[in-house]
PDB file of N, CA and C in Angstrom:
ATOM      1  N   MET A   1      33.154   3.589 -20.076  1.00  0.00           N
ATOM      2  CA  MET A   1      32.198   2.852 -20.866  1.00  0.00           C
ATOM      3  C   MET A   1      31.003   2.555 -19.979  1.00  0.00           C
ATOM      4  N   ASP A   2      29.835   2.767 -20.527  1.00  0.00           N
ATOM      5  CA  ASP A   2      28.599   2.680 -19.754  1.00  0.00           C
ATOM      6  C   ASP A   2      27.887   1.365 -20.056  1.00  0.00           C
ATOM      7  N   TRP A   3      27.787   0.513 -19.067  1.00  0.00           N
ATOM      8  CA  TRP A   3      27.022  -0.728 -19.111  1.00  0.00           C
ATOM      9  C   TRP A   3      27.430  -1.645 -20.273  1.00  0.00           C
ATOM     10  N   CYS A   4      28.721  -1.778 -20.498  1.00  0.00           N
ATOM     11  CA  CYS A   4      29.240  -2.632 -21.577  1.00  0.00           C
ATOM     12  C   CYS A   4      29.626  -4.021 -21.077  1.00  0.00           C
ATOM     13  N   VAL A   5      29.718  -4.179 -19.773  1.00  0.00           N
ATOM     14  CA  VAL A   5      30.115  -5.438 -19.155  1.00  0.00           C
ATOM     15  C   VAL A   5      28.964  -5.907 -18.269  1.00  0.00           C
ATOM     16  N   ASN A   6      28.616  -7.189 -18.366  1.00  0.00           N
ATOM     17  CA  ASN A   6      27.566  -7.756 -17.505  1.00  0.00           C
ATOM     18  C   ASN A   6      28.207  -8.325 -16.247  1.00  0.00           C
ATOM     19  N   PHE A   7      27.641  -7.993 -15.094  1.00  0.00           N
ATOM     20  CA  PHE A   7      28.182  -8.437 -13.816  1.00  0.00           C
ATOM     21  C   PHE A   7      27.317  -9.501 -13.160  1.00  0.00           C
ATOM     22  N   ALA A   8      26.362 -10.040 -13.896  1.00  0.00           N
ATOM     23  CA  ALA A   8      25.484 -11.099 -13.384  1.00  0.00           C
ATOM     24  C   ALA A   8      25.065 -11.964 -14.560  1.00  0.00           C
ATOM     25  N   PRO A   9      24.701 -13.200 -14.310  1.00  0.00           N
ATOM     26  CA  PRO A   9      24.194 -14.041 -15.402  1.00  0.00           C
ATOM     27  C   PRO A   9      23.029 -13.358 -16.099  1.00  0.00           C
ATOM     28  N   PHE A  10      22.909 -13.603 -17.394  1.00  0.00           N
ATOM     29  CA  PHE A  10      21.832 -12.957 -18.151  1.00  0.00           C
ATOM     30  C   PHE A  10      20.536 -13.743 -18.007  1.00  0.00           C
ATOM     31  N   TYR A  11      19.470 -13.036 -17.730  1.00  0.00           N
ATOM     32  CA  TYR A  11      18.131 -13.611 -17.692  1.00  0.00           C
ATOM     33  C   TYR A  11      17.252 -12.820 -18.646  1.00  0.00           C
ATOM     34  N   ASP A  12      16.300 -13.497 -19.279  1.00  0.00           N
ATOM     35  CA  ASP A  12      15.363 -12.793 -20.143  1.00  0.00           C
ATOM     36  C   ASP A  12      14.688 -11.678 -19.359  1.00  0.00           C
ATOM     37  N   THR A  13      14.523 -10.539 -20.014  1.00  0.00           N
ATOM     38  CA  THR A  13      13.915  -9.383 -19.365  1.00  0.00           C
ATOM     39  C   THR A  13      12.793  -8.825 -20.232  1.00  0.00           C
ATOM     40  N   ASP A  14      11.841  -8.198 -19.601  1.00  0.00           N
ATOM     41  CA  ASP A  14      10.756  -7.522 -20.301  1.00  0.00           C
ATOM     42  C   ASP A  14      10.170  -6.514 -19.325  1.00  0.00           C
ATOM     43  N   GLU A  15      10.379  -5.239 -19.604  1.00  0.00           N
ATOM     44  CA  GLU A  15       9.859  -4.222 -18.701  1.00  0.00           C
ATOM     45  C   GLU A  15       9.323  -3.047 -19.503  1.00  0.00           C
ATOM     46  N   SER A  16       8.385  -2.342 -18.911  1.00  0.00           N
ATOM     47  CA  SER A  16       7.835  -1.160 -19.561  1.00  0.00           C
ATOM     48  C   SER A  16       7.462  -0.126 -18.514  1.00  0.00           C
ATOM     49  N   TRP A  17       7.396   1.127 -18.965  1.00  0.00           N
ATOM     50  CA  TRP A  17       7.001   2.214 -18.101  1.00  0.00           C
ATOM     51  C   TRP A  17       6.478   3.355 -18.961  1.00  0.00           C
ATOM     52  N   SER A  18       5.723   4.236 -18.339  1.00  0.00           N
ATOM     53  CA  SER A  18       5.161   5.388 -19.035  1.00  0.00           C
ATOM     54  C   SER A  18       5.459   6.656 -18.254  1.00  0.00           C
ATOM     55  N   MET A  19       5.587   7.746 -18.994  1.00  0.00           N
ATOM     56  CA  MET A  19       5.770   9.063 -18.401  1.00  0.00           C
ATOM     57  C   MET A  19       4.890  10.048 -19.166  1.00  0.00           C
ATOM     58  N   GLU A  20       4.389  11.032 -18.454  1.00  0.00           N
ATOM     59  CA  GLU A  20       3.506  12.000 -19.095  1.00  0.00           C
ATOM     60  C   GLU A  20       3.813  13.401 -18.575  1.00  0.00           C
ATOM     61  N   GLN A  21       3.857  14.360 -19.529  1.00  0.00           N
ATOM     62  CA  GLN A  21       4.087  15.754 -19.158  1.00  0.00           C
ATOM     63  C   GLN A  21       3.633  16.649 -20.306  1.00  0.00           C
ATOM     64  N   ASP A  22       2.910  17.700 -19.990  1.00  0.00           N
ATOM     65  CA  ASP A  22       2.486  18.704 -20.973  1.00  0.00           C
ATOM     66  C   ASP A  22       1.849  18.097 -22.224  1.00  0.00           C
ATOM     67  N   LYS A  23       0.848  17.275 -22.045  1.00  0.00           N
ATOM     68  CA  LYS A  23       0.094  16.638 -23.135  1.00  0.00           C
ATOM     69  C   LYS A  23       0.927  15.666 -23.972  1.00  0.00           C
ATOM     70  N   ILE A  24       2.097  15.279 -23.463  1.00  0.00           N
ATOM     71  CA  ILE A  24       2.935  14.294 -24.151  1.00  0.00           C
ATOM     72  C   ILE A  24       3.060  13.080 -23.242  1.00  0.00           C
ATOM     73  N   LYS A  25       2.728  11.924 -23.789  1.00  0.00           N
ATOM     74  CA  LYS A  25       2.855  10.678 -23.033  1.00  0.00           C
ATOM     75  C   LYS A  25       3.779   9.743 -23.811  1.00  0.00           C
ATOM     76  N   VAL A  26       4.766   9.202 -23.127  1.00  0.00           N
ATOM     77  CA  VAL A  26       5.710   8.271 -23.742  1.00  0.00           C
ATOM     78  C   VAL A  26       5.668   6.959 -22.970  1.00  0.00           C
ATOM     79  N   THR A  27       5.449   5.872 -23.690  1.00  0.00           N
ATOM     80  CA  THR A  27       5.486   4.532 -23.112  1.00  0.00           C
ATOM     81  C   THR A  27       6.681   3.808 -23.717  1.00  0.00           C
ATOM     82  N   THR A  28       7.531   3.293 -22.861  1.00  0.00           N
ATOM     83  CA  THR A  28       8.756   2.620 -23.287  1.00  0.00           C
ATOM     84  C   THR A  28       8.691   1.156 -22.894  1.00  0.00           C
ATOM     85  N   ARG A  29       9.153   0.294 -23.787  1.00  0.00           N
ATOM     86  CA  ARG A  29       9.226  -1.133 -23.472  1.00  0.00           C
ATOM     87  C   ARG A  29      10.604  -1.634 -23.916  1.00  0.00           C
ATOM     88  N   CYS A  30      11.292  -2.291 -22.992  1.00  0.00           N
ATOM     89  CA  CYS A  30      12.610  -2.875 -23.257  1.00  0.00           C
ATOM     90  C   CYS A  30      12.544  -4.362 -22.965  1.00  0.00           C
ATOM     91  N   SER A  31      13.180  -5.139 -23.826  1.00  0.00           N
ATOM     92  CA  SER A  31      13.235  -6.573 -23.565  1.00  0.00           C
ATOM     93  C   SER A  31      14.559  -7.133 -24.051  1.00  0.00           C
ATOM     94  N   GLY A  32      14.941  -8.230 -23.440  1.00  0.00           N
ATOM     95  CA  GLY A  32      16.139  -8.955 -23.835  1.00  0.00           C
ATOM     96  C   GLY A  32      15.864 -10.441 -23.726  1.00  0.00           C
ATOM     97  N   LYS A  33      16.259 -11.185 -24.754  1.00  0.00           N
ATOM     98  CA  LYS A  33      16.017 -12.625 -24.769  1.00  0.00           C
ATOM     99  C   LYS A  33      17.296 -13.333 -25.176  1.00  0.00           C
ATOM    100  N   LEU A  34      17.718 -14.281 -24.345  1.00  0.00           N
ATOM    101  CA  LEU A  34      18.897 -15.084 -24.644  1.00  0.00           C
ATOM    102  C   LEU A  34      18.570 -15.995 -25.816  1.00  0.00           C
ATOM    103  N   ILE A  35      19.317 -15.866 -26.927  1.00  0.00           N
ATOM    104  CA  ILE A  35      19.030 -16.691 -28.101  1.00  0.00           C
ATOM    105  C   ILE A  35      20.104 -17.738 -28.363  1.00  0.00           C
ATOM    106  N   ASP A  36      21.287 -17.576 -27.750  1.00  0.00           N
ATOM    107  CA  ASP A  36      22.348 -18.575 -27.906  1.00  0.00           C
ATOM    108  C   ASP A  36      23.253 -18.518 -26.679  1.00  0.00           C
ATOM    109  N   PRO A  37      23.042 -19.437 -25.700  1.00  0.00           N
ATOM    110  CA  PRO A  37      23.834 -19.374 -24.469  1.00  0.00           C
ATOM    111  C   PRO A  37      25.316 -19.686 -24.676  1.00  0.00           C
ATOM    112  N   VAL A  38      25.665 -20.513 -25.643  1.00  0.00           N
ATOM    113  CA  VAL A  38      27.071 -20.845 -25.879  1.00  0.00           C
ATOM    114  C   VAL A  38      27.825 -19.642 -26.438  1.00  0.00           C
ATOM    115  N   GLU A  39      27.234 -18.951 -27.402  1.00  0.00           N
ATOM    116  CA  GLU A  39      27.857 -17.761 -27.990  1.00  0.00           C
ATOM    117  C   GLU A  39      27.556 -16.493 -27.191  1.00  0.00           C
ATOM    118  N   GLN A  40      26.703 -16.619 -26.152  1.00  0.00           N
ATOM    119  CA  GLN A  40      26.312 -15.498 -25.294  1.00  0.00           C
ATOM    120  C   GLN A  40      25.611 -14.398 -26.093  1.00  0.00           C
ATOM    121  N   LEU A  41      24.711 -14.811 -26.995  1.00  0.00           N
ATOM    122  CA  LEU A  41      23.996 -13.859 -27.837  1.00  0.00           C
ATOM    123  C   LEU A  41      22.620 -13.560 -27.266  1.00  0.00           C
ATOM    124  N   VAL A  42      22.281 -12.279 -27.267  1.00  0.00           N
ATOM    125  CA  VAL A  42      21.029 -11.787 -26.709  1.00  0.00           C
ATOM    126  C   VAL A  42      20.362 -10.894 -27.747  1.00  0.00           C
ATOM    127  N   LYS A  43      19.054 -11.095 -27.931  1.00  0.00           N
ATOM    128  CA  LYS A  43      18.294 -10.180 -28.783  1.00  0.00           C
ATOM    129  C   LYS A  43      17.672  -9.124 -27.884  1.00  0.00           C
ATOM    130  N   GLU A  44      18.010  -7.864 -28.149  1.00  0.00           N
ATOM    131  CA  GLU A  44      17.478  -6.758 -27.369  1.00  0.00           C
ATOM    132  C   GLU A  44      16.552  -5.915 -28.232  1.00  0.00           C
ATOM    133  N   THR A  45      15.459  -5.450 -27.645  1.00  0.00           N
ATOM    134  CA  THR A  45      14.556  -4.546 -28.350  1.00  0.00           C
ATOM    135  C   THR A  45      14.152  -3.419 -27.413  1.00  0.00           C
ATOM    136  N   ILE A  46      13.915  -2.282 -28.005  1.00  0.00           N
ATOM    137  CA  ILE A  46      13.355  -1.149 -27.276  1.00  0.00           C
ATOM    138  C   ILE A  46      12.354  -0.476 -28.200  1.00  0.00           C
ATOM    139  N   SER A  47      11.193  -0.183 -27.658  1.00  0.00           N
ATOM    140  CA  SER A  47      10.200   0.541 -28.446  1.00  0.00           C
ATOM    141  C   SER A  47       9.644   1.680 -27.611  1.00  0.00           C
ATOM    142  N   LEU A  48       9.378   2.772 -28.278  1.00  0.00           N
ATOM    143  CA  LEU A  48       8.784   3.934 -27.641  1.00  0.00           C
ATOM    144  C   LEU A  48       7.537   4.319 -28.425  1.00  0.00           C
ATOM    145  N   GLU A  49       6.485   4.518 -27.698  1.00  0.00           N
ATOM    146  CA  GLU A  49       5.257   5.025 -28.294  1.00  0.00           C
ATOM    147  C   GLU A  49       4.990   6.367 -27.636  1.00  0.00           C
ATOM    148  N   ALA A  50       4.975   7.413 -28.445  1.00  0.00           N
ATOM    149  CA  ALA A  50       4.760   8.756 -27.921  1.00  0.00           C
ATOM    150  C   ALA A  50       3.473   9.312 -28.505  1.00  0.00           C
ATOM    151  N   VAL A  51       2.684   9.935 -27.649  1.00  0.00           N
ATOM    152  CA  VAL A  51       1.475  10.622 -28.085  1.00  0.00           C
ATOM    153  C   VAL A  51       1.642  12.082 -27.693  1.00  0.00           C
ATOM    154  N   ASP A  52       1.706  12.939 -28.706  1.00  0.00           N
ATOM    155  CA  ASP A  52       1.905  14.373 -28.492  1.00  0.00           C
ATOM    156  C   ASP A  52       0.670  15.108 -28.977  1.00  0.00           C
ATOM    157  N   ASP A  53      -0.155  15.540 -28.048  1.00  0.00           N
ATOM    158  CA  ASP A  53      -1.376  16.284 -28.351  1.00  0.00           C
ATOM    159  C   ASP A  53      -2.238  15.551 -29.386  1.00  0.00           C
ATOM    160  N   GLY A  54      -2.360  14.236 -29.208  1.00  0.00           N
ATOM    161  CA  GLY A  54      -3.208  13.423 -30.076  1.00  0.00           C
ATOM    162  C   GLY A  54      -2.507  12.768 -31.252  1.00  0.00           C
ATOM    163  N   THR A  55      -1.282  13.183 -31.576  1.00  0.00           N
ATOM    164  CA  THR A  55      -0.531  12.585 -32.677  1.00  0.00           C
ATOM    165  C   THR A  55       0.386  11.497 -32.119  1.00  0.00           C
ATOM    166  N   MET A  56       0.321  10.282 -32.715  1.00  0.00           N
ATOM    167  CA  MET A  56       1.103   9.162 -32.216  1.00  0.00           C
ATOM    168  C   MET A  56       2.358   8.945 -33.065  1.00  0.00           C
ATOM    169  N   PHE A  57       3.461   8.690 -32.364  1.00  0.00           N
ATOM    170  CA  PHE A  57       4.735   8.352 -32.989  1.00  0.00           C
ATOM    171  C   PHE A  57       5.189   7.023 -32.400  1.00  0.00           C
ATOM    172  N   HIS A  58       5.828   6.193 -33.230  1.00  0.00           N
ATOM    173  CA  HIS A  58       6.325   4.911 -32.730  1.00  0.00           C
ATOM    174  C   HIS A  58       7.762   4.732 -33.209  1.00  0.00           C
ATOM    175  N   LEU A  59       8.658   4.460 -32.270  1.00  0.00           N
ATOM    176  CA  LEU A  59      10.065   4.201 -32.576  1.00  0.00           C
ATOM    177  C   LEU A  59      10.419   2.805 -32.084  1.00  0.00           C
ATOM    178  N   TYR A  60      11.208   2.093 -32.874  1.00  0.00           N
ATOM    179  CA  TYR A  60      11.574   0.723 -32.522  1.00  0.00           C
ATOM    180  C   TYR A  60      13.030   0.490 -32.911  1.00  0.00           C
ATOM    181  N   GLU A  61      13.752  -0.178 -32.048  1.00  0.00           N
ATOM    182  CA  GLU A  61      15.126  -0.576 -32.329  1.00  0.00           C
ATOM    183  C   GLU A  61      15.313  -1.988 -31.796  1.00  0.00           C
ATOM    184  N   GLY A  62      15.932  -2.824 -32.571  1.00  0.00           N
ATOM    185  CA  GLY A  62      16.189  -4.194 -32.134  1.00  0.00           C
ATOM    186  C   GLY A  62      17.483  -4.691 -32.734  1.00  0.00           C
ATOM    187  N   GLY A  63      18.121  -5.585 -32.039  1.00  0.00           N
ATOM    188  CA  GLY A  63      19.361  -6.139 -32.558  1.00  0.00           C
ATOM    189  C   GLY A  63      19.891  -7.234 -31.650  1.00  0.00           C
ATOM    190  N   VAL A  64      20.922  -7.888 -32.142  1.00  0.00           N
ATOM    191  CA  VAL A  64      21.562  -8.970 -31.400  1.00  0.00           C
ATOM    192  C   VAL A  64      22.916  -8.469 -30.915  1.00  0.00           C
ATOM    193  N   LYS A  65      23.208  -8.731 -29.652  1.00  0.00           N
ATOM    194  CA  LYS A  65      24.511  -8.365 -29.103  1.00  0.00           C
ATOM    195  C   LYS A  65      25.093  -9.549 -28.344  1.00  0.00           C
ATOM    196  N   ARG A  66      26.382  -9.501 -28.160  1.00  0.00           N
ATOM    197  CA  ARG A  66      27.073 -10.536 -27.395  1.00  0.00           C
ATOM    198  C   ARG A  66      27.331 -10.004 -25.996  1.00  0.00           C
ATOM    199  N   VAL A  67      26.920 -10.763 -25.000  1.00  0.00           N
ATOM    200  CA  VAL A  67      27.116 -10.396 -23.606  1.00  0.00           C
ATOM    201  C   VAL A  67      28.564 -10.720 -23.223  1.00  0.00           C
ATOM    202  N   ILE A  68      29.218  -9.794 -22.548  1.00  0.00           N
ATOM    203  CA  ILE A  68      30.602  -9.977 -22.111  1.00  0.00           C
ATOM    204  C   ILE A  68      30.650  -9.815 -20.588  1.00  0.00           C
ATOM    205  N   PHE A  69      31.363 -10.719 -19.938  1.00  0.00           N
ATOM    206  CA  PHE A  69      31.473 -10.721 -18.484  1.00  0.00           C
ATOM    207  C   PHE A  69      32.850 -10.193 -18.055  1.00  0.00           C
ATOM    208  N   PRO A  70      33.033  -9.813 -16.796  1.00  0.00           N
ATOM    209  CA  PRO A  70      34.243  -9.112 -16.352  1.00  0.00           C
ATOM    210  C   PRO A  70      35.577  -9.766 -16.719  1.00  0.00           C
ATOM    211  N   GLN A  71      35.762 -11.029 -16.392  1.00  0.00           N
ATOM    212  CA  GLN A  71      37.062 -11.644 -16.664  1.00  0.00           C
ATOM    213  C   GLN A  71      37.336 -11.751 -18.156  1.00  0.00           C
ATOM    214  N   GLU A  72      36.291 -12.014 -18.916  1.00  0.00           N
ATOM    215  CA  GLU A  72      36.409 -12.069 -20.371  1.00  0.00           C
ATOM    216  C   GLU A  72      36.795 -10.686 -20.920  1.00  0.00           C
ATOM    217  N   PHE A  73      36.180  -9.642 -20.388  1.00  0.00           N
ATOM    218  CA  PHE A  73      36.494  -8.282 -20.806  1.00  0.00           C
ATOM    219  C   PHE A  73      37.961  -7.961 -20.534  1.00  0.00           C
ATOM    220  N   LEU A  74      38.443  -8.305 -19.355  1.00  0.00           N
ATOM    221  CA  LEU A  74      39.838  -8.040 -19.006  1.00  0.00           C
ATOM    222  C   LEU A  74      40.796  -8.769 -19.946  1.00  0.00           C
ATOM    223  N   GLN A  75      40.460  -9.986 -20.339  1.00  0.00           N
ATOM    224  CA  GLN A  75      41.299 -10.725 -21.286  1.00  0.00           C
ATOM    225  C   GLN A  75      41.320 -10.050 -22.649  1.00  0.00           C
ATOM    226  N   ILE A  76      40.173  -9.532 -23.081  1.00  0.00           N
ATOM    227  CA  ILE A  76      40.099  -8.831 -24.372  1.00  0.00           C
ATOM    228  C   ILE A  76      40.993  -7.588 -24.328  1.00  0.00           C
ATOM    229  N   ILE A  77      40.907  -6.811 -23.252  1.00  0.00           N
ATOM    230  CA  ILE A  77      41.721  -5.600 -23.112  1.00  0.00           C
ATOM    231  C   ILE A  77      43.209  -5.955 -23.134  1.00  0.00           C
ATOM    232  N   GLU A  78      43.567  -7.001 -22.433  1.00  0.00           N
ATOM    233  CA  GLU A  78      44.975  -7.438 -22.412  1.00  0.00           C
ATOM    234  C   GLU A  78      45.430  -7.859 -23.811  1.00  0.00           C
ATOM    235  N   HIS A  79      44.563  -8.554 -24.518  1.00  0.00           N
ATOM    236  CA  HIS A  79      44.908  -9.072 -25.856  1.00  0.00           C
ATOM    237  C   HIS A  79      45.082  -7.946 -26.887  1.00  0.00           C
ATOM    238  N   ILE A  80      44.203  -6.952 -26.873  1.00  0.00           N
ATOM    239  CA  ILE A  80      44.292  -5.914 -27.901  1.00  0.00           C
ATOM    240  C   ILE A  80      45.403  -4.917 -27.621  1.00  0.00           C
ATOM    241  N   GLY A  81      45.781  -4.753 -26.349  1.00  0.00           N
ATOM    242  CA  GLY A  81      46.871  -3.856 -25.991  1.00  0.00           C
ATOM    243  C   GLY A  81      46.503  -2.387 -26.158  1.00  0.00           C
ATOM    244  N   GLY A  82      47.350  -1.525 -25.615  1.00  0.00           N
ATOM    245  CA  GLY A  82      47.172  -0.093 -25.748  1.00  0.00           C
ATOM    246  C   GLY A  82      46.208   0.528 -24.757  1.00  0.00           C
ATOM    247  N   LEU A  83      45.580  -0.303 -23.931  1.00  0.00           N
ATOM    248  CA  LEU A  83      44.640   0.199 -22.936  1.00  0.00           C
ATOM    249  C   LEU A  83      44.964  -0.405 -21.577  1.00  0.00           C
ATOM    250  N   GLU A  84      44.755   0.386 -20.548  1.00  0.00           N
ATOM    251  CA  GLU A  84      44.953  -0.078 -19.173  1.00  0.00           C
ATOM    252  C   GLU A  84      43.604  -0.064 -18.464  1.00  0.00           C
ATOM    253  N   PHE A  85      43.285  -1.156 -17.812  1.00  0.00           N
ATOM    254  CA  PHE A  85      42.057  -1.212 -17.017  1.00  0.00           C
ATOM    255  C   PHE A  85      42.261  -0.410 -15.747  1.00  0.00           C
ATOM    256  N   VAL A  86      41.363   0.554 -15.478  1.00  0.00           N
ATOM    257  CA  VAL A  86      41.444   1.384 -14.277  1.00  0.00           C
ATOM    258  C   VAL A  86      40.503   0.859 -13.197  1.00  0.00           C
ATOM    259  N   GLY A  87      39.260   0.510 -13.582  1.00  0.00           N
ATOM    260  CA  GLY A  87      38.319  -0.024 -12.608  1.00  0.00           C
ATOM    261  C   GLY A  87      36.892   0.035 -13.117  1.00  0.00           C
ATOM    262  N   TRP A  88      35.980  -0.503 -12.273  1.00  0.00           N
ATOM    263  CA  TRP A  88      34.559  -0.393 -12.572  1.00  0.00           C
ATOM    264  C   TRP A  88      33.807   0.012 -11.328  1.00  0.00           C
ATOM    265  N   TRP A  89      32.739   0.798 -11.555  1.00  0.00           N
ATOM    266  CA  TRP A  89      31.976   1.391 -10.469  1.00  0.00           C
ATOM    267  C   TRP A  89      30.487   1.235 -10.728  1.00  0.00           C
ATOM    268  N   ASN A  90      29.725   1.433  -9.683  1.00  0.00           N
ATOM    269  CA  ASN A  90      28.278   1.283  -9.756  1.00  0.00           C
ATOM    270  C   ASN A  90      27.604   2.638  -9.954  1.00  0.00           C
ATOM    271  N   ASN A  91      26.757   2.718 -10.955  1.00  0.00           N
ATOM    272  CA  ASN A  91      25.875   3.865 -11.184  1.00  0.00           C
ATOM    273  C   ASN A  91      26.630   5.196 -11.262  1.00  0.00           C
ATOM    274  N   TRP A  92      27.789   5.201 -11.926  1.00  0.00           N
ATOM    275  CA  TRP A  92      28.595   6.413 -12.134  1.00  0.00           C
ATOM    276  C   TRP A  92      29.082   7.031 -10.820  1.00  0.00           C
ATOM    277  N   ASP A  93      29.145   6.245  -9.769  1.00  0.00           N
ATOM    278  CA  ASP A  93      29.555   6.746  -8.461  1.00  0.00           C
ATOM    279  C   ASP A  93      30.951   6.217  -8.153  1.00  0.00           C
ATOM    280  N   LEU A  94      31.955   7.090  -8.229  1.00  0.00           N
ATOM    281  CA  LEU A  94      33.335   6.669  -7.998  1.00  0.00           C
ATOM    282  C   LEU A  94      33.615   6.314  -6.547  1.00  0.00           C
ATOM    283  N   GLU A  95      32.640   6.506  -5.672  1.00  0.00           N
ATOM    284  CA  GLU A  95      32.738   6.075  -4.281  1.00  0.00           C
ATOM    285  C   GLU A  95      32.188   4.660  -4.109  1.00  0.00           C
ATOM    286  N   ARG A  96      31.681   4.045  -5.195  1.00  0.00           N
ATOM    287  CA  ARG A  96      31.076   2.708  -5.112  1.00  0.00           C
ATOM    288  C   ARG A  96      31.727   1.753  -6.122  1.00  0.00           C
ATOM    289  N   PRO A  97      32.989   1.358  -5.872  1.00  0.00           N
ATOM    290  CA  PRO A  97      33.628   0.399  -6.781  1.00  0.00           C
ATOM    291  C   PRO A  97      32.903  -0.945  -6.744  1.00  0.00           C
ATOM    292  N   LEU A  98      32.981  -1.683  -7.844  1.00  0.00           N
ATOM    293  CA  LEU A  98      32.255  -2.948  -7.931  1.00  0.00           C
ATOM    294  C   LEU A  98      33.018  -4.143  -7.374  1.00  0.00           C
ATOM    295  N   GLY A  99      34.277  -3.997  -7.050  1.00  0.00           N
ATOM    296  CA  GLY A  99      35.008  -5.104  -6.460  1.00  0.00           C
ATOM    297  C   GLY A  99      34.392  -5.533  -5.145  1.00  0.00           C
ATOM    298  N   GLY A 100      34.138  -6.830  -5.002  1.00  0.00           N
ATOM    299  CA  GLY A 100      33.617  -7.351  -3.750  1.00  0.00           C
ATOM    300  C   GLY A 100      32.109  -7.279  -3.593  1.00  0.00           C
ATOM    301  N   VAL A 101      31.381  -6.833  -4.614  1.00  0.00           N
ATOM    302  CA  VAL A 101      29.916  -6.796  -4.526  1.00  0.00           C
ATOM    303  C   VAL A 101      29.396  -8.225  -4.450  1.00  0.00           C
ATOM    304  N   LYS A 102      28.618  -8.523  -3.429  1.00  0.00           N
ATOM    305  CA  LYS A 102      28.118  -9.886  -3.215  1.00  0.00           C
ATOM    306  C   LYS A 102      26.786 -10.148  -3.898  1.00  0.00           C
ATOM    307  N   ASP A 103      25.949  -9.128  -4.045  1.00  0.00           N
ATOM    308  CA  ASP A 103      24.626  -9.302  -4.622  1.00  0.00           C
ATOM    309  C   ASP A 103      24.537  -8.533  -5.935  1.00  0.00           C
ATOM    310  N   PRO A 104      24.539  -9.239  -7.078  1.00  0.00           N
ATOM    311  CA  PRO A 104      24.498  -8.537  -8.366  1.00  0.00           C
ATOM    312  C   PRO A 104      23.235  -7.701  -8.564  1.00  0.00           C
ATOM    313  N   LYS A 105      22.198  -7.946  -7.778  1.00  0.00           N
ATOM    314  CA  LYS A 105      20.966  -7.149  -7.897  1.00  0.00           C
ATOM    315  C   LYS A 105      21.183  -5.704  -7.454  1.00  0.00           C
ATOM    316  N   THR A 106      22.279  -5.460  -6.711  1.00  0.00           N
ATOM    317  CA  THR A 106      22.550  -4.098  -6.251  1.00  0.00           C
ATOM    318  C   THR A 106      23.317  -3.292  -7.304  1.00  0.00           C
ATOM    319  N   ILE A 107      23.697  -3.932  -8.395  1.00  0.00           N
ATOM    320  CA  ILE A 107      24.433  -3.240  -9.448  1.00  0.00           C
ATOM    321  C   ILE A 107      23.432  -2.634 -10.426  1.00  0.00           C
ATOM    322  N   SER A 108      23.547  -1.321 -10.614  1.00  0.00           N
ATOM    323  CA  SER A 108      22.698  -0.643 -11.578  1.00  0.00           C
ATOM    324  C   SER A 108      23.543   0.346 -12.381  1.00  0.00           C
ATOM    325  N   ARG A 109      23.527   0.197 -13.661  1.00  0.00           N
ATOM    326  CA  ARG A 109      24.270   1.047 -14.586  1.00  0.00           C
ATOM    327  C   ARG A 109      25.769   1.096 -14.258  1.00  0.00           C
ATOM    328  N   PRO A 110      26.442  -0.037 -14.360  1.00  0.00           N
ATOM    329  CA  PRO A 110      27.870  -0.081 -14.080  1.00  0.00           C
ATOM    330  C   PRO A 110      28.690   0.607 -15.171  1.00  0.00           C
ATOM    331  N   ILE A 111      29.765   1.239 -14.769  1.00  0.00           N
ATOM    332  CA  ILE A 111      30.688   1.842 -15.731  1.00  0.00           C
ATOM    333  C   ILE A 111      32.055   1.184 -15.609  1.00  0.00           C
ATOM    334  N   THR A 112      32.763   1.174 -16.718  1.00  0.00           N
ATOM    335  CA  THR A 112      34.119   0.635 -16.787  1.00  0.00           C
ATOM    336  C   THR A 112      35.025   1.745 -17.292  1.00  0.00           C
ATOM    337  N   LEU A 113      36.154   1.944 -16.625  1.00  0.00           N
ATOM    338  CA  LEU A 113      37.070   3.004 -17.006  1.00  0.00           C
ATOM    339  C   LEU A 113      38.375   2.390 -17.495  1.00  0.00           C
ATOM    340  N   LEU A 114      38.797   2.819 -18.692  1.00  0.00           N
ATOM    341  CA  LEU A 114      40.058   2.400 -19.295  1.00  0.00           C
ATOM    342  C   LEU A 114      40.914   3.626 -19.541  1.00  0.00           C
ATOM    343  N   ARG A 115      42.228   3.414 -19.548  1.00  0.00           N
ATOM    344  CA  ARG A 115      43.165   4.498 -19.845  1.00  0.00           C
ATOM    345  C   ARG A 115      44.023   4.082 -21.050  1.00  0.00           C
ATOM    346  N   LYS A 116      44.150   4.992 -21.984  1.00  0.00           N
ATOM    347  CA  LYS A 116      45.015   4.733 -23.140  1.00  0.00           C
ATOM    348  C   LYS A 116      46.475   4.815 -22.684  1.00  0.00           C
ATOM    349  N   ILE A 117      47.273   3.801 -23.069  1.00  0.00           N
ATOM    350  CA  ILE A 117      48.698   3.804 -22.689  1.00  0.00           C
ATOM    351  C   ILE A 117      49.580   3.843 -23.925  1.00  0.00           C
TER     352      ILE A 117
END
């Protein structure tokens, strides 16, 4: 599972970047805003503005999700049964397990691996 578990407290985010190649320019903006700290609810949005040889396209997606942290995730897996927790790693690198990471800023694109039992 890719980036389904949060390994650091949630903070509001707002970032954007642009890329350009062969007369196509894409500007992406992602944001997340904590809307309910007790229920751990976050409103996430992503928008893409693409200009292809003068024609503009705009895509937008937004929704509310519940943030889940490691110990809470493990309890959910135990409760539903049928799955075994194998581990979690940083940035799809099986040589970089997340156990013992001291600085959550070093975690980028964490994955969680489960095994069906």
